[in-house]
Amino acid sequence: AVQENGKQPTDYLVPFISSGIIDCYFSWCRSDVKIPLGQLIGQF
């Protein structure tokens, strides 16, 4: 997506973003008390 917008992403921020999003998502999945998915995605 970044490259399609004519930019070259840095090597360290893309893994940071994807790891953070996925780790948060799976923490949400494991949680007994969940905020709505839409609210979680809004935060992401």
ModelCIF file with pLDDT and N, C-alpha, C, O atoms, coordinates in Angstrom:
data_MODEL
#
_entry.id   MODEL 
#
_entity.id                         1 
_entity.type                       polymer 
_entity.pdbx_number_of_molecules   1 
#
_entity_poly.entity_id                      1 
_entity_poly.type                           'polypeptide(L)' 
_entity_poly.nstd_linkage                   no 
_entity_poly.nstd_monomer                   no 
_entity_poly.pdbx_seq_one_letter_code       AVQENGKQPTDYLVPFISSGIIDCYFSWCRSDVKIPLGQLIGQF 
_entity_poly.pdbx_seq_one_letter_code_can   AVQENGKQPTDYLVPFISSGIIDCYFSWCRSDVKIPLGQLIGQF 
_entity_poly.pdbx_strand_id                 A 
#
loop_
_entity_poly_seq.entity_id 
_entity_poly_seq.num 
_entity_poly_seq.mon_id 
_entity_poly_seq.hetero 
1 1  ALA n 
1 2  VAL n 
1 3  GLN n 
1 4  GLU n 
1 5  ASN n 
1 6  GLY n 
1 7  LYS n 
1 8  GLN n 
1 9  PRO n 
1 10 THR n 
1 11 ASP n 
1 12 TYR n 
1 13 LEU n 
1 14 VAL n 
1 15 PRO n 
1 16 PHE n 
1 17 ILE n 
1 18 SER n 
1 19 SER n 
1 20 GLY n 
1 21 ILE n 
1 22 ILE n 
1 23 ASP n 
1 24 CYS n 
1 25 TYR n 
1 26 PHE n 
1 27 SER n 
1 28 TRP n 
1 29 CYS n 
1 30 ARG n 
1 31 SER n 
1 32 ASP n 
1 33 VAL n 
1 34 LYS n 
1 35 ILE n 
1 36 PRO n 
1 37 LEU n 
1 38 GLY n 
1 39 GLN n 
1 40 LEU n 
1 41 ILE n 
1 42 GLY n 
1 43 GLN n 
1 44 PHE n 
#
_struct_asym.id          A 
_struct_asym.entity_id   1 
#
loop_
_ma_qa_metric.id 
_ma_qa_metric.mode 
_ma_qa_metric.name 
_ma_qa_metric.software_group_id 
_ma_qa_metric.type 
1 global pLDDT . pLDDT 
2 local  pLDDT . pLDDT 
#
_ma_qa_metric_global.metric_id      1 
_ma_qa_metric_global.metric_value   85.82 
_ma_qa_metric_global.model_id       1 
_ma_qa_metric_global.ordinal_id     1 
#
loop_
_ma_qa_metric_local.label_asym_id 
_ma_qa_metric_local.label_comp_id 
_ma_qa_metric_local.label_seq_id 
_ma_qa_metric_local.metric_id 
_ma_qa_metric_local.metric_value 
_ma_qa_metric_local.model_id 
_ma_qa_metric_local.ordinal_id 
A ALA 1  2 81.00 1 1  
A VAL 2  2 81.00 1 2  
A GLN 3  2 84.00 1 3  
A GLU 4  2 82.00 1 4  
A ASN 5  2 78.00 1 5  
A GLY 6  2 81.00 1 6  
A LYS 7  2 79.00 1 7  
A GLN 8  2 81.00 1 8  
A PRO 9  2 78.00 1 9  
A THR 10 2 75.00 1 10 
A ASP 11 2 76.00 1 11 
A TYR 12 2 82.00 1 12 
A LEU 13 2 82.00 1 13 
A VAL 14 2 85.00 1 14 
A PRO 15 2 89.00 1 15 
A PHE 16 2 87.00 1 16 
A ILE 17 2 85.00 1 17 
A SER 18 2 88.00 1 18 
A SER 19 2 91.00 1 19 
A GLY 20 2 89.00 1 20 
A ILE 21 2 88.00 1 21 
A ILE 22 2 89.00 1 22 
A ASP 23 2 90.00 1 23 
A CYS 24 2 89.00 1 24 
A TYR 25 2 89.00 1 25 
A PHE 26 2 90.00 1 26 
A SER 27 2 91.00 1 27 
A TRP 28 2 91.00 1 28 
A CYS 29 2 90.00 1 29 
A ARG 30 2 89.00 1 30 
A SER 31 2 90.00 1 31 
A ASP 32 2 88.00 1 32 
A VAL 33 2 83.00 1 33 
A LYS 34 2 83.00 1 34 
A ILE 35 2 91.00 1 35 
A PRO 36 2 91.00 1 36 
A LEU 37 2 87.00 1 37 
A GLY 38 2 87.00 1 38 
A GLN 39 2 91.00 1 39 
A LEU 40 2 89.00 1 40 
A ILE 41 2 86.00 1 41 
A GLY 42 2 88.00 1 42 
A GLN 43 2 88.00 1 43 
A PHE 44 2 84.00 1 44 
#
loop_
_atom_site.group_PDB 
_atom_site.id 
_atom_site.type_symbol 
_atom_site.label_atom_id 
_atom_site.label_alt_id 
_atom_site.label_comp_id 
_atom_site.label_asym_id 
_atom_site.label_entity_id 
_atom_site.label_seq_id 
_atom_site.pdbx_PDB_ins_code 
_atom_site.Cartn_x 
_atom_site.Cartn_y 
_atom_site.Cartn_z 
_atom_site.occupancy 
_atom_site.B_iso_or_equiv 
_atom_site.pdbx_formal_charge 
_atom_site.auth_seq_id 
_atom_site.auth_comp_id 
_atom_site.auth_asym_id 
_atom_site.auth_atom_id 
_atom_site.pdbx_PDB_model_num 
ATOM 1   N N  . ALA A 1 1  ? 0.829   -1.214  0.000  1.00 81.00 ? 1  ALA A N  1 
ATOM 2   C CA . ALA A 1 1  ? 0.000   0.000   0.000  1.00 81.00 ? 1  ALA A CA 1 
ATOM 3   C C  . ALA A 1 1  ? 0.860   1.260   0.000  1.00 81.00 ? 1  ALA A C  1 
ATOM 4   O O  . ALA A 1 1  ? 0.565   2.218   -0.714 1.00 81.00 ? 1  ALA A O  1 
ATOM 5   N N  . VAL A 1 2  ? 1.919   1.257   0.796  1.00 81.00 ? 2  VAL A N  1 
ATOM 6   C CA . VAL A 1 2  ? 2.808   2.419   0.860  1.00 81.00 ? 2  VAL A CA 1 
ATOM 7   C C  . VAL A 1 2  ? 3.514   2.602   -0.483 1.00 81.00 ? 2  VAL A C  1 
ATOM 8   O O  . VAL A 1 2  ? 3.629   3.725   -0.974 1.00 81.00 ? 2  VAL A O  1 
ATOM 9   N N  . GLN A 1 3  ? 3.984   1.515   -1.071 1.00 84.00 ? 3  GLN A N  1 
ATOM 10  C CA . GLN A 1 3  ? 4.672   1.598   -2.359 1.00 84.00 ? 3  GLN A CA 1 
ATOM 11  C C  . GLN A 1 3  ? 3.740   2.042   -3.480 1.00 84.00 ? 3  GLN A C  1 
ATOM 12  O O  . GLN A 1 3  ? 4.156   2.758   -4.390 1.00 84.00 ? 3  GLN A O  1 
ATOM 13  N N  . GLU A 1 4  ? 2.487   1.619   -3.413 1.00 82.00 ? 4  GLU A N  1 
ATOM 14  C CA . GLU A 1 4  ? 1.510   2.047   -4.427 1.00 82.00 ? 4  GLU A CA 1 
ATOM 15  C C  . GLU A 1 4  ? 1.249   3.545   -4.352 1.00 82.00 ? 4  GLU A C  1 
ATOM 16  O O  . GLU A 1 4  ? 0.781   4.151   -5.316 1.00 82.00 ? 4  GLU A O  1 
ATOM 17  N N  . ASN A 1 5  ? 1.553   4.132   -3.210 1.00 78.00 ? 5  ASN A N  1 
ATOM 18  C CA . ASN A 1 5  ? 1.423   5.581   -3.048 1.00 78.00 ? 5  ASN A CA 1 
ATOM 19  C C  . ASN A 1 5  ? 2.738   6.299   -3.365 1.00 78.00 ? 5  ASN A C  1 
ATOM 20  O O  . ASN A 1 5  ? 2.928   7.463   -3.013 1.00 78.00 ? 5  ASN A O  1 
ATOM 21  N N  . GLY A 1 6  ? 3.630   5.584   -4.030 1.00 81.00 ? 6  GLY A N  1 
ATOM 22  C CA . GLY A 1 6  ? 4.873   6.190   -4.496 1.00 81.00 ? 6  GLY A CA 1 
ATOM 23  C C  . GLY A 1 6  ? 5.924   6.406   -3.435 1.00 81.00 ? 6  GLY A C  1 
ATOM 24  O O  . GLY A 1 6  ? 6.849   7.193   -3.639 1.00 81.00 ? 6  GLY A O  1 
ATOM 25  N N  . LYS A 1 7  ? 5.811   5.742   -2.324 1.00 79.00 ? 7  LYS A N  1 
ATOM 26  C CA . LYS A 1 7  ? 6.775   5.916   -1.230 1.00 79.00 ? 7  LYS A CA 1 
ATOM 27  C C  . LYS A 1 7  ? 7.506   4.602   -0.959 1.00 79.00 ? 7  LYS A C  1 
ATOM 28  O O  . LYS A 1 7  ? 7.045   3.525   -1.336 1.00 79.00 ? 7  LYS A O  1 
ATOM 29  N N  . GLN A 1 8  ? 8.634   4.716   -0.308 1.00 81.00 ? 8  GLN A N  1 
ATOM 30  C CA . GLN A 1 8  ? 9.391   3.529   0.091  1.00 81.00 ? 8  GLN A CA 1 
ATOM 31  C C  . GLN A 1 8  ? 9.373   3.451   1.617  1.00 81.00 ? 8  GLN A C  1 
ATOM 32  O O  . GLN A 1 8  ? 9.937   4.312   2.291  1.00 81.00 ? 8  GLN A O  1 
ATOM 33  N N  . PRO A 1 9  ? 8.720   2.411   2.163  1.00 78.00 ? 9  PRO A N  1 
ATOM 34  C CA . PRO A 1 9  ? 8.644   2.309   3.627  1.00 78.00 ? 9  PRO A CA 1 
ATOM 35  C C  . PRO A 1 9  ? 10.000  1.941   4.231  1.00 78.00 ? 9  PRO A C  1 
ATOM 36  O O  . PRO A 1 9  ? 10.841  1.320   3.581  1.00 78.00 ? 9  PRO A O  1 
ATOM 37  N N  . THR A 1 10 ? 10.186  2.337   5.480  1.00 75.00 ? 10 THR A N  1 
ATOM 38  C CA . THR A 1 10 ? 11.405  1.954   6.190  1.00 75.00 ? 10 THR A CA 1 
ATOM 39  C C  . THR A 1 10 ? 11.302  0.485   6.586  1.00 75.00 ? 10 THR A C  1 
ATOM 40  O O  . THR A 1 10 ? 10.207  -0.066  6.700  1.00 75.00 ? 10 THR A O  1 
ATOM 41  N N  . ASP A 1 11 ? 12.439  -0.128  6.791  1.00 76.00 ? 11 ASP A N  1 
ATOM 42  C CA . ASP A 1 11 ? 12.488  -1.556  7.099  1.00 76.00 ? 11 ASP A CA 1 
ATOM 43  C C  . ASP A 1 11 ? 12.016  -1.887  8.508  1.00 76.00 ? 11 ASP A C  1 
ATOM 44  O O  . ASP A 1 11 ? 11.702  -3.043  8.789  1.00 76.00 ? 11 ASP A O  1 
ATOM 45  N N  . TYR A 1 12 ? 11.959  -0.921  9.384  1.00 82.00 ? 12 TYR A N  1 
ATOM 46  C CA . TYR A 1 12 ? 11.652  -1.222  10.783 1.00 82.00 ? 12 TYR A CA 1 
ATOM 47  C C  . TYR A 1 12 ? 10.251  -0.820  11.229 1.00 82.00 ? 12 TYR A C  1 
ATOM 48  O O  . TYR A 1 12 ? 9.720   -1.417  12.165 1.00 82.00 ? 12 TYR A O  1 
ATOM 49  N N  . LEU A 1 13 ? 9.643   0.165   10.593 1.00 82.00 ? 13 LEU A N  1 
ATOM 50  C CA . LEU A 1 13 ? 8.327   0.580   11.050 1.00 82.00 ? 13 LEU A CA 1 
ATOM 51  C C  . LEU A 1 13 ? 7.194   -0.340  10.574 1.00 82.00 ? 13 LEU A C  1 
ATOM 52  O O  . LEU A 1 13 ? 6.215   -0.536  11.293 1.00 82.00 ? 13 LEU A O  1 
ATOM 53  N N  . VAL A 1 14 ? 7.322   -0.896  9.381  1.00 85.00 ? 14 VAL A N  1 
ATOM 54  C CA . VAL A 1 14 ? 6.263   -1.796  8.895  1.00 85.00 ? 14 VAL A CA 1 
ATOM 55  C C  . VAL A 1 14 ? 6.147   -3.025  9.807  1.00 85.00 ? 14 VAL A C  1 
ATOM 56  O O  . VAL A 1 14 ? 5.034   -3.368  10.208 1.00 85.00 ? 14 VAL A O  1 
ATOM 57  N N  . PRO A 1 15 ? 7.254   -3.701  10.150 1.00 89.00 ? 15 PRO A N  1 
ATOM 58  C CA . PRO A 1 15 ? 7.102   -4.827  11.096 1.00 89.00 ? 15 PRO A CA 1 
ATOM 59  C C  . PRO A 1 15 ? 6.578   -4.386  12.457 1.00 89.00 ? 15 PRO A C  1 
ATOM 60  O O  . PRO A 1 15 ? 5.845   -5.129  13.110 1.00 89.00 ? 15 PRO A O  1 
ATOM 61  N N  . PHE A 1 16 ? 6.949   -3.187  12.888 1.00 87.00 ? 16 PHE A N  1 
ATOM 62  C CA . PHE A 1 16 ? 6.453   -2.652  14.156 1.00 87.00 ? 16 PHE A CA 1 
ATOM 63  C C  . PHE A 1 16 ? 4.939   -2.490  14.099 1.00 87.00 ? 16 PHE A C  1 
ATOM 64  O O  . PHE A 1 16 ? 4.233   -2.892  15.024 1.00 87.00 ? 16 PHE A O  1 
ATOM 65  N N  . ILE A 1 17 ? 4.441   -1.902  13.013 1.00 85.00 ? 17 ILE A N  1 
ATOM 66  C CA . ILE A 1 17 ? 3.007   -1.687  12.863 1.00 85.00 ? 17 ILE A CA 1 
ATOM 67  C C  . ILE A 1 17 ? 2.273   -3.023  12.789 1.00 85.00 ? 17 ILE A C  1 
ATOM 68  O O  . ILE A 1 17 ? 1.305   -3.240  13.519 1.00 85.00 ? 17 ILE A O  1 
ATOM 69  N N  . SER A 1 18 ? 2.724   -3.913  11.918 1.00 88.00 ? 18 SER A N  1 
ATOM 70  C CA . SER A 1 18 ? 1.999   -5.184  11.742 1.00 88.00 ? 18 SER A CA 1 
ATOM 71  C C  . SER A 1 18 ? 2.057   -6.031  13.009 1.00 88.00 ? 18 SER A C  1 
ATOM 72  O O  . SER A 1 18 ? 1.060   -6.649  13.383 1.00 88.00 ? 18 SER A O  1 
ATOM 73  N N  . SER A 1 19 ? 3.205   -6.066  13.669 1.00 91.00 ? 19 SER A N  1 
ATOM 74  C CA . SER A 1 19 ? 3.314   -6.842  14.912 1.00 91.00 ? 19 SER A CA 1 
ATOM 75  C C  . SER A 1 19 ? 2.409   -6.270  15.994 1.00 91.00 ? 19 SER A C  1 
ATOM 76  O O  . SER A 1 19 ? 1.732   -7.012  16.705 1.00 91.00 ? 19 SER A O  1 
ATOM 77  N N  . GLY A 1 20 ? 2.400   -4.953  16.113 1.00 89.00 ? 20 GLY A N  1 
ATOM 78  C CA . GLY A 1 20 ? 1.554   -4.317  17.121 1.00 89.00 ? 20 GLY A CA 1 
ATOM 79  C C  . GLY A 1 20 ? 0.078   -4.591  16.888 1.00 89.00 ? 20 GLY A C  1 
ATOM 80  O O  . GLY A 1 20 ? -0.656  -4.921  17.819 1.00 89.00 ? 20 GLY A O  1 
ATOM 81  N N  . ILE A 1 21 ? -0.351  -4.451  15.639 1.00 88.00 ? 21 ILE A N  1 
ATOM 82  C CA . ILE A 1 21 ? -1.757  -4.683  15.313 1.00 88.00 ? 21 ILE A CA 1 
ATOM 83  C C  . ILE A 1 21 ? -2.142  -6.131  15.596 1.00 88.00 ? 21 ILE A C  1 
ATOM 84  O O  . ILE A 1 21 ? -3.152  -6.391  16.250 1.00 88.00 ? 21 ILE A O  1 
ATOM 85  N N  . ILE A 1 22 ? -1.345  -7.064  15.110 1.00 89.00 ? 22 ILE A N  1 
ATOM 86  C CA . ILE A 1 22 ? -1.683  -8.485  15.265 1.00 89.00 ? 22 ILE A CA 1 
ATOM 87  C C  . ILE A 1 22 ? -1.618  -8.902  16.731 1.00 89.00 ? 22 ILE A C  1 
ATOM 88  O O  . ILE A 1 22 ? -2.501  -9.615  17.207 1.00 89.00 ? 22 ILE A O  1 
ATOM 89  N N  . ASP A 1 23 ? -0.583  -8.466  17.452 1.00 90.00 ? 23 ASP A N  1 
ATOM 90  C CA . ASP A 1 23 ? -0.503  -8.815  18.875 1.00 90.00 ? 23 ASP A CA 1 
ATOM 91  C C  . ASP A 1 23 ? -1.698  -8.259  19.648 1.00 90.00 ? 23 ASP A C  1 
ATOM 92  O O  . ASP A 1 23 ? -2.260  -8.947  20.500 1.00 90.00 ? 23 ASP A O  1 
ATOM 93  N N  . CYS A 1 24 ? -2.085  -7.024  19.356 1.00 89.00 ? 24 CYS A N  1 
ATOM 94  C CA . CYS A 1 24 ? -3.262  -6.448  20.019 1.00 89.00 ? 24 CYS A CA 1 
ATOM 95  C C  . CYS A 1 24 ? -4.529  -7.211  19.661 1.00 89.00 ? 24 CYS A C  1 
ATOM 96  O O  . CYS A 1 24 ? -5.364  -7.480  20.524 1.00 89.00 ? 24 CYS A O  1 
ATOM 97  N N  . TYR A 1 25 ? -4.667  -7.559  18.388 1.00 89.00 ? 25 TYR A N  1 
ATOM 98  C CA . TYR A 1 25 ? -5.855  -8.294  17.955 1.00 89.00 ? 25 TYR A CA 1 
ATOM 99  C C  . TYR A 1 25 ? -5.963  -9.631  18.688 1.00 89.00 ? 25 TYR A C  1 
ATOM 100 O O  . TYR A 1 25 ? -7.036  -9.985  19.176 1.00 89.00 ? 25 TYR A O  1 
ATOM 101 N N  . PHE A 1 26 ? -4.859  -10.374 18.767 1.00 90.00 ? 26 PHE A N  1 
ATOM 102 C CA . PHE A 1 26 ? -4.927  -11.673 19.435 1.00 90.00 ? 26 PHE A CA 1 
ATOM 103 C C  . PHE A 1 26 ? -5.057  -11.540 20.950 1.00 90.00 ? 26 PHE A C  1 
ATOM 104 O O  . PHE A 1 26 ? -5.626  -12.420 21.595 1.00 90.00 ? 26 PHE A O  1 
ATOM 105 N N  . SER A 1 27 ? -4.545  -10.468 21.523 1.00 91.00 ? 27 SER A N  1 
ATOM 106 C CA . SER A 1 27 ? -4.814  -10.200 22.943 1.00 91.00 ? 27 SER A CA 1 
ATOM 107 C C  . SER A 1 27 ? -6.297  -9.957  23.144 1.00 91.00 ? 27 SER A C  1 
ATOM 108 O O  . SER A 1 27 ? -6.890  -10.438 24.110 1.00 91.00 ? 27 SER A O  1 
ATOM 109 N N  . TRP A 1 28 ? -6.898  -9.203  22.218 1.00 91.00 ? 28 TRP A N  1 
ATOM 110 C CA . TRP A 1 28 ? -8.346  -8.958  22.253 1.00 91.00 ? 28 TRP A CA 1 
ATOM 111 C C  . TRP A 1 28 ? -9.109  -10.273 22.138 1.00 91.00 ? 28 TRP A C  1 
ATOM 112 O O  . TRP A 1 28 ? -10.078 -10.497 22.863 1.00 91.00 ? 28 TRP A O  1 
ATOM 113 N N  . CYS A 1 29 ? -8.669  -11.150 21.218 1.00 90.00 ? 29 CYS A N  1 
ATOM 114 C CA . CYS A 1 29 ? -9.330  -12.456 21.043 1.00 90.00 ? 29 CYS A CA 1 
ATOM 115 C C  . CYS A 1 29 ? -9.283  -13.296 22.316 1.00 90.00 ? 29 CYS A C  1 
ATOM 116 O O  . CYS A 1 29 ? -10.242 -13.997 22.639 1.00 90.00 ? 29 CYS A O  1 
ATOM 117 N N  . ARG A 1 30 ? -8.156  -13.223 23.042 1.00 89.00 ? 30 ARG A N  1 
ATOM 118 C CA . ARG A 1 30 ? -7.987  -14.025 24.258 1.00 89.00 ? 30 ARG A CA 1 
ATOM 119 C C  . ARG A 1 30 ? -8.696  -13.421 25.466 1.00 89.00 ? 30 ARG A C  1 
ATOM 120 O O  . ARG A 1 30 ? -8.914  -14.108 26.464 1.00 89.00 ? 30 ARG A O  1 
ATOM 121 N N  . SER A 1 31 ? -9.052  -12.158 25.383 1.00 90.00 ? 31 SER A N  1 
ATOM 122 C CA . SER A 1 31 ? -9.623  -11.441 26.520 1.00 90.00 ? 31 SER A CA 1 
ATOM 123 C C  . SER A 1 31 ? -11.041 -11.900 26.833 1.00 90.00 ? 31 SER A C  1 
ATOM 124 O O  . SER A 1 31 ? -11.825 -12.200 25.933 1.00 90.00 ? 31 SER A O  1 
ATOM 125 N N  . ASP A 1 32 ? -11.353 -11.948 28.115 1.00 88.00 ? 32 ASP A N  1 
ATOM 126 C CA . ASP A 1 32 ? -12.716 -12.262 28.541 1.00 88.00 ? 32 ASP A CA 1 
ATOM 127 C C  . ASP A 1 32 ? -13.632 -11.050 28.411 1.00 88.00 ? 32 ASP A C  1 
ATOM 128 O O  . ASP A 1 32 ? -14.832 -11.189 28.176 1.00 88.00 ? 32 ASP A O  1 
ATOM 129 N N  . VAL A 1 33 ? -13.055 -9.865  28.565 1.00 83.00 ? 33 VAL A N  1 
ATOM 130 C CA . VAL A 1 33 ? -13.829 -8.630  28.462 1.00 83.00 ? 33 VAL A CA 1 
ATOM 131 C C  . VAL A 1 33 ? -13.374 -7.930  27.186 1.00 83.00 ? 33 VAL A C  1 
ATOM 132 O O  . VAL A 1 33 ? -12.233 -7.478  27.084 1.00 83.00 ? 33 VAL A O  1 
ATOM 133 N N  . LYS A 1 34 ? -14.282 -7.847  26.214 1.00 83.00 ? 34 LYS A N  1 
ATOM 134 C CA . LYS A 1 34 ? -13.914 -7.300  24.919 1.00 83.00 ? 34 LYS A CA 1 
ATOM 135 C C  . LYS A 1 34 ? -14.662 -5.996  24.643 1.00 83.00 ? 34 LYS A C  1 
ATOM 136 O O  . LYS A 1 34 ? -15.859 -5.867  24.904 1.00 83.00 ? 34 LYS A O  1 
ATOM 137 N N  . ILE A 1 35 ? -13.909 -5.040  24.105 1.00 91.00 ? 35 ILE A N  1 
ATOM 138 C CA . ILE A 1 35 ? -14.566 -3.873  23.535 1.00 91.00 ? 35 ILE A CA 1 
ATOM 139 C C  . ILE A 1 35 ? -15.100 -4.316  22.173 1.00 91.00 ? 35 ILE A C  1 
ATOM 140 O O  . ILE A 1 35 ? -14.642 -5.329  21.643 1.00 91.00 ? 35 ILE A O  1 
ATOM 141 N N  . PRO A 1 36 ? -16.049 -3.594  21.595 1.00 91.00 ? 36 PRO A N  1 
ATOM 142 C CA . PRO A 1 36 ? -16.542 -3.985  20.271 1.00 91.00 ? 36 PRO A CA 1 
ATOM 143 C C  . PRO A 1 36 ? -15.418 -3.957  19.232 1.00 91.00 ? 36 PRO A C  1 
ATOM 144 O O  . PRO A 1 36 ? -14.498 -3.143  19.320 1.00 91.00 ? 36 PRO A O  1 
ATOM 145 N N  . LEU A 1 37 ? -15.504 -4.858  18.247 1.00 87.00 ? 37 LEU A N  1 
ATOM 146 C CA . LEU A 1 37 ? -14.478 -4.949  17.210 1.00 87.00 ? 37 LEU A CA 1 
ATOM 147 C C  . LEU A 1 37 ? -14.292 -3.607  16.506 1.00 87.00 ? 37 LEU A C  1 
ATOM 148 O O  . LEU A 1 37 ? -13.162 -3.214  16.216 1.00 87.00 ? 37 LEU A O  1 
ATOM 149 N N  . GLY A 1 38 ? -15.380 -2.906  16.229 1.00 87.00 ? 38 GLY A N  1 
ATOM 150 C CA . GLY A 1 38 ? -15.282 -1.607  15.556 1.00 87.00 ? 38 GLY A CA 1 
ATOM 151 C C  . GLY A 1 38 ? -14.455 -0.608  16.346 1.00 87.00 ? 38 GLY A C  1 
ATOM 152 O O  . GLY A 1 38 ? -13.688 0.164   15.771 1.00 87.00 ? 38 GLY A O  1 
ATOM 153 N N  . GLN A 1 39 ? -14.612 -0.621  17.662 1.00 91.00 ? 39 GLN A N  1 
ATOM 154 C CA . GLN A 1 39 ? -13.835 0.289   18.517 1.00 91.00 ? 39 GLN A CA 1 
ATOM 155 C C  . GLN A 1 39 ? -12.358 -0.113  18.504 1.00 91.00 ? 39 GLN A C  1 
ATOM 156 O O  . GLN A 1 39 ? -11.480 0.747   18.437 1.00 91.00 ? 39 GLN A O  1 
ATOM 157 N N  . LEU A 1 40 ? -12.088 -1.398  18.566 1.00 89.00 ? 40 LEU A N  1 
ATOM 158 C CA . LEU A 1 40 ? -10.704 -1.880  18.508 1.00 89.00 ? 40 LEU A CA 1 
ATOM 159 C C  . LEU A 1 40 ? -10.056 -1.458  17.191 1.00 89.00 ? 40 LEU A C  1 
ATOM 160 O O  . LEU A 1 40 ? -8.932  -0.958  17.181 1.00 89.00 ? 40 LEU A O  1 
ATOM 161 N N  . ILE A 1 41 ? -10.761 -1.659  16.089 1.00 86.00 ? 41 ILE A N  1 
ATOM 162 C CA . ILE A 1 41 ? -10.231 -1.302  14.776 1.00 86.00 ? 41 ILE A CA 1 
ATOM 163 C C  . ILE A 1 41 ? -10.041 0.210   14.674 1.00 86.00 ? 41 ILE A C  1 
ATOM 164 O O  . ILE A 1 41 ? -9.091  0.672   14.043 1.00 86.00 ? 41 ILE A O  1 
ATOM 165 N N  . GLY A 1 42 ? -10.930 0.977   15.283 1.00 88.00 ? 42 GLY A N  1 
ATOM 166 C CA . GLY A 1 42 ? -10.767 2.430   15.310 1.00 88.00 ? 42 GLY A CA 1 
ATOM 167 C C  . GLY A 1 42 ? -9.457  2.820   15.975 1.00 88.00 ? 42 GLY A C  1 
ATOM 168 O O  . GLY A 1 42 ? -8.756  3.715   15.503 1.00 88.00 ? 42 GLY A O  1 
ATOM 169 N N  . GLN A 1 43 ? -9.129  2.148   17.069 1.00 88.00 ? 43 GLN A N  1 
ATOM 170 C CA . GLN A 1 43 ? -7.867  2.411   17.751 1.00 88.00 ? 43 GLN A CA 1 
ATOM 171 C C  . GLN A 1 43 ? -6.690  2.024   16.866 1.00 88.00 ? 43 GLN A C  1 
ATOM 172 O O  . GLN A 1 43 ? -5.712  2.766   16.770 1.00 88.00 ? 43 GLN A O  1 
ATOM 173 N N  . PHE A 1 44 ? -6.782  0.845   16.211 1.00 84.00 ? 44 PHE A N  1 
ATOM 174 C CA . PHE A 1 44 ? -5.725  0.422   15.282 1.00 84.00 ? 44 PHE A CA 1 
ATOM 175 C C  . PHE A 1 44 ? -5.530  1.473   14.188 1.00 84.00 ? 44 PHE A C  1 
ATOM 176 O O  . PHE A 1 44 ? -4.685  1.300   13.310 1.00 84.00 ? 44 PHE A O  1 
#
